[in-house]
C-alpha atoms as a PDB file:
ATOM      1  CA  UNK A   1      -3.434  -1.688  -1.821  1.00  0.00           C
ATOM      2  CA  UNK A   2      -6.726  -1.257  -4.028  1.00  0.00           C
ATOM      3  CA  UNK A   3      -4.380   0.205  -6.840  1.00  0.00           C
ATOM      4  CA  UNK A   4      -2.517  -2.985  -7.062  1.00  0.00           C
ATOM      5  CA  UNK A   5      -5.867  -4.993  -7.414  1.00  0.00           C
ATOM      6  CA  UNK A   6      -6.890  -2.500  -9.828  1.00  0.00           C
ATOM      7  CA  UNK A   7      -3.982  -3.032 -11.842  1.00  0.00           C
ATOM      8  CA  UNK A   8      -4.310  -6.746 -11.507  1.00  0.00           C
ATOM      9  CA  UNK A   9      -7.350  -7.194 -12.673  1.00  0.00           C
ATOM     10  CA  UNK A  10      -7.275  -4.442 -15.895  1.00  0.00           C
ATOM     11  CA  UNK A  11      -3.668  -5.464 -16.933  1.00  0.00           C
ATOM     12  CA  UNK A  12      -3.048  -9.228 -16.092  1.00  0.00           C
ATOM     13  CA  UNK A  13      -6.125 -11.454 -15.532  1.00  0.00           C
ATOM     14  CA  UNK A  14      -7.462 -12.681 -18.547  1.00  0.00           C
ATOM     15  CA  UNK A  15     -10.974 -11.447 -19.894  1.00  0.00           C
ATOM     16  CA  UNK A  16     -11.919 -15.054 -20.076  1.00  0.00           C
ATOM     17  CA  UNK A  17     -10.645 -16.040 -16.472  1.00  0.00           C
ATOM     18  CA  UNK A  18      -8.785 -18.803 -15.277  1.00  0.00           C
ATOM     19  CA  UNK A  19      -9.222 -22.547 -16.167  1.00  0.00           C
ATOM     20  CA  UNK A  20      -8.516 -23.569 -12.722  1.00  0.00           C
ATOM     21  CA  UNK A  21      -7.836 -22.392  -9.102  1.00  0.00           C
ATOM     22  CA  UNK A  22      -3.956 -23.592  -9.410  1.00  0.00           C
ATOM     23  CA  UNK A  23      -3.485 -21.617 -12.715  1.00  0.00           C
ATOM     24  CA  UNK A  24      -4.934 -18.369 -11.210  1.00  0.00           C
ATOM     25  CA  UNK A  25      -2.982 -18.531  -7.988  1.00  0.00           C
ATOM     26  CA  UNK A  26       0.370 -19.199 -10.001  1.00  0.00           C
ATOM     27  CA  UNK A  27      -0.342 -16.245 -12.478  1.00  0.00           C
ATOM     28  CA  UNK A  28      -1.375 -13.934  -9.540  1.00  0.00           C
ATOM     29  CA  UNK A  29       1.475 -14.899  -7.470  1.00  0.00           C
ATOM     30  CA  UNK A  30       3.713 -14.005 -10.269  1.00  0.00           C
ATOM     31  CA  UNK A  31       2.175 -10.905 -11.347  1.00  0.00           C
ATOM     32  CA  UNK A  32       2.729  -9.809  -7.353  1.00  0.00           C
ATOM     33  CA  UNK A  33       6.119 -11.050  -6.657  1.00  0.00           C
ATOM     34  CA  UNK A  34       8.078 -10.488 -10.032  1.00  0.00           C
ATOM     35  CA  UNK A  35       6.274  -8.259 -12.434  1.00  0.00           C
ATOM     36  CA  UNK A  36       4.335  -5.758 -10.410  1.00  0.00           C
ATOM     37  CA  UNK A  37       7.153  -5.243  -7.675  1.00  0.00           C
ATOM     38  CA  UNK A  38      10.365  -5.759  -9.971  1.00  0.00           C
ATOM     39  CA  UNK A  39       9.091  -4.846 -13.775  1.00  0.00           C
ATOM     40  CA  UNK A  40       6.073  -2.609 -14.008  1.00  0.00           C
ATOM     41  CA  UNK A  41       6.985   1.161 -13.908  1.00  0.00           C
ATOM     42  CA  UNK A  42       5.251   3.007 -11.135  1.00  0.00           C
ATOM     43  CA  UNK A  43       4.399   6.973 -11.808  1.00  0.00           C
ATOM     44  CA  UNK A  44       4.895   7.697  -7.999  1.00  0.00           C
ATOM     45  CA  UNK A  45       8.513   6.309  -8.132  1.00  0.00           C
ATOM     46  CA  UNK A  46       9.701   8.221 -11.367  1.00  0.00           C
ATOM     47  CA  UNK A  47       9.051   5.421 -13.229  1.00  0.00           C
ATOM     48  CA  UNK A  48      10.953   2.457 -11.141  1.00  0.00           C
ATOM     49  CA  UNK A  49       9.198  -0.566  -9.723  1.00  0.00           C
ATOM     50  CA  UNK A  50       8.828  -0.461  -5.644  1.00  0.00           C
ATOM     51  CA  UNK A  51      11.405  -3.170  -5.125  1.00  0.00           C
ATOM     52  CA  UNK A  52      14.039  -1.334  -7.178  1.00  0.00           C
ATOM     53  CA  UNK A  53      13.207   1.961  -5.570  1.00  0.00           C
ATOM     54  CA  UNK A  54      13.940   0.512  -2.231  1.00  0.00           C
ATOM     55  CA  UNK A  55      16.730  -0.974  -3.105  1.00  0.00           C
ATOM     56  CA  UNK A  56      18.116   2.296  -4.439  1.00  0.00           C
ATOM     57  CA  UNK A  57      16.737   3.861  -1.307  1.00  0.00           C
ATOM     58  CA  UNK A  58      18.839   1.404   0.735  1.00  0.00           C
ATOM     59  CA  UNK A  59      21.940   1.893  -1.215  1.00  0.00           C
ATOM     60  CA  UNK A  60      21.806   5.513  -0.971  1.00  0.00           C
ATOM     61  CA  UNK A  61      21.350   5.628   2.923  1.00  0.00           C
ATOM     62  CA  UNK A  62      23.786   3.086   3.469  1.00  0.00           C
ATOM     63  CA  UNK A  63      21.175   0.847   5.495  1.00  0.00           C
ATOM     64  CA  UNK A  64      21.343  -2.748   4.154  1.00  0.00           C
END
């Protein structure tokens, strides 16, 4: 869990911060639900994002 927060702070959050809590919430939600889980490559998963790795594992195992 700590890794995701480190990635969020170092790769995503603007150095100047956010203008409002609403803007921060929207941007952080996008990072977690879209970018981090579906787009960002993860070294542990051979370069695949977590959601795509899980989807592939379910397909291979026949568990849907």
